[in-house]
Amino acid sequence: MAKTTAKNQKNFEESLWESANKLRGSVEPSEYRHVVLSLIFLKFVSDTFEARRKEIIAEYGE
């Protein structure tokens, strides 16, 4: 199981770096932080929504 987790982590890191390299080509360095912060915020909102959705389904059913 630890090997699978390490492999998933490596795949995630590779995907993250690949995405960052793609963004660097099309976004000015001074604007890069806005793009990254927006993506982090969207991930936070998505995770929060999904957690709350699971709570509601557990409480009331689908």
C-alpha atoms as a PDB file:
ATOM      1  CA  MET A   1       0.000   0.000   0.000  1.00  0.00           C
ATOM      2  CA  ALA A   2       2.860   2.387   0.766  1.00  0.00           C
ATOM      3  CA  LYS A   3       4.279   1.812  -2.714  1.00  0.00           C
ATOM      4  CA  THR A   4       0.939   2.700  -4.297  1.00  0.00           C
ATOM      5  CA  THR A   5       0.694   5.889  -2.247  1.00  0.00           C
ATOM      6  CA  ALA A   6       4.255   6.858  -3.156  1.00  0.00           C
ATOM      7  CA  LYS A   7       3.532   6.144  -6.820  1.00  0.00           C
ATOM      8  CA  ASN A   8       0.341   8.239  -6.726  1.00  0.00           C
ATOM      9  CA  GLN A   9       2.256  11.054  -5.033  1.00  0.00           C
ATOM     10  CA  LYS A  10       4.932  10.935  -7.737  1.00  0.00           C
ATOM     11  CA  ASN A  11       2.292  10.972 -10.499  1.00  0.00           C
ATOM     12  CA  PHE A  12       0.582  13.926  -8.822  1.00  0.00           C
ATOM     13  CA  GLU A  13       3.861  15.828  -8.530  1.00  0.00           C
ATOM     14  CA  GLU A  14       4.690  15.160 -12.180  1.00  0.00           C
ATOM     15  CA  SER A  15       1.246  16.369 -13.263  1.00  0.00           C
ATOM     16  CA  LEU A  16       1.579  19.472 -11.129  1.00  0.00           C
ATOM     17  CA  TRP A  17       4.986  20.361 -12.557  1.00  0.00           C
ATOM     18  CA  GLU A  18       3.788  19.699 -16.109  1.00  0.00           C
ATOM     19  CA  SER A  19       0.827  22.034 -15.586  1.00  0.00           C
ATOM     20  CA  ALA A  20       3.071  24.694 -14.066  1.00  0.00           C
ATOM     21  CA  ASN A  21       5.433  24.501 -17.039  1.00  0.00           C
ATOM     22  CA  LYS A  22       2.533  24.914 -19.467  1.00  0.00           C
ATOM     23  CA  LEU A  23       1.266  27.970 -17.579  1.00  0.00           C
ATOM     24  CA  ARG A  24       4.690  29.593 -17.536  1.00  0.00           C
ATOM     25  CA  GLY A  25       4.660  29.711 -21.318  1.00  0.00           C
ATOM     26  CA  SER A  26       1.374  31.609 -21.650  1.00  0.00           C
ATOM     27  CA  VAL A  27       1.210  33.744 -18.499  1.00  0.00           C
ATOM     28  CA  GLU A  28       3.391  36.680 -17.514  1.00  0.00           C
ATOM     29  CA  PRO A  29       5.375  35.971 -14.334  1.00  0.00           C
ATOM     30  CA  SER A  30       3.716  38.900 -12.560  1.00  0.00           C
ATOM     31  CA  GLU A  31       0.277  37.390 -13.260  1.00  0.00           C
ATOM     32  CA  TYR A  32       1.229  33.796 -12.466  1.00  0.00           C
ATOM     33  CA  ARG A  33       0.362  34.113  -8.774  1.00  0.00           C
ATOM     34  CA  HIS A  34      -3.215  35.126  -9.630  1.00  0.00           C
ATOM     35  CA  VAL A  35      -3.698  32.009 -11.720  1.00  0.00           C
ATOM     36  CA  VAL A  36      -2.225  29.715  -9.080  1.00  0.00           C
ATOM     37  CA  LEU A  37      -4.154  31.298  -6.205  1.00  0.00           C
ATOM     38  CA  SER A  38      -7.380  31.021  -8.193  1.00  0.00           C
ATOM     39  CA  LEU A  39      -6.771  27.329  -8.827  1.00  0.00           C
ATOM     40  CA  ILE A  40      -5.999  26.703  -5.156  1.00  0.00           C
ATOM     41  CA  PHE A  41      -9.193  28.514  -4.170  1.00  0.00           C
ATOM     42  CA  LEU A  42     -11.262  26.472  -6.633  1.00  0.00           C
ATOM     43  CA  LYS A  43      -9.775  23.257  -5.234  1.00  0.00           C
ATOM     44  CA  PHE A  44     -10.639  24.369  -1.690  1.00  0.00           C
ATOM     45  CA  VAL A  45     -14.226  25.203  -2.661  1.00  0.00           C
ATOM     46  CA  SER A  46     -14.585  21.916  -4.524  1.00  0.00           C
ATOM     47  CA  ASP A  47     -13.308  19.878  -1.565  1.00  0.00           C
ATOM     48  CA  THR A  48     -15.525  21.781   0.873  1.00  0.00           C
ATOM     49  CA  PHE A  49     -18.579  21.299  -1.344  1.00  0.00           C
ATOM     50  CA  GLU A  50     -17.916  17.579  -1.738  1.00  0.00           C
ATOM     51  CA  ALA A  51     -17.490  17.079   2.017  1.00  0.00           C
ATOM     52  CA  ARG A  52     -20.721  18.944   2.753  1.00  0.00           C
ATOM     53  CA  ARG A  53     -22.538  17.024   0.002  1.00  0.00           C
ATOM     54  CA  LYS A  54     -21.515  13.726   1.609  1.00  0.00           C
ATOM     55  CA  GLU A  55     -22.740  14.954   5.003  1.00  0.00           C
ATOM     56  CA  ILE A  56     -26.131  15.912   3.565  1.00  0.00           C
ATOM     57  CA  ILE A  57     -26.503  12.597   1.729  1.00  0.00           C
ATOM     58  CA  ALA A  58     -25.608  10.708   4.909  1.00  0.00           C
ATOM     59  CA  GLU A  59     -28.159  12.692   6.895  1.00  0.00           C
ATOM     60  CA  TYR A  60     -31.072  12.887   4.440  1.00  0.00           C
ATOM     61  CA  GLY A  61     -30.266  10.328   1.753  1.00  0.00           C
ATOM     62  CA  GLU A  62     -30.226  11.021  -1.932  1.00  0.00           C
END
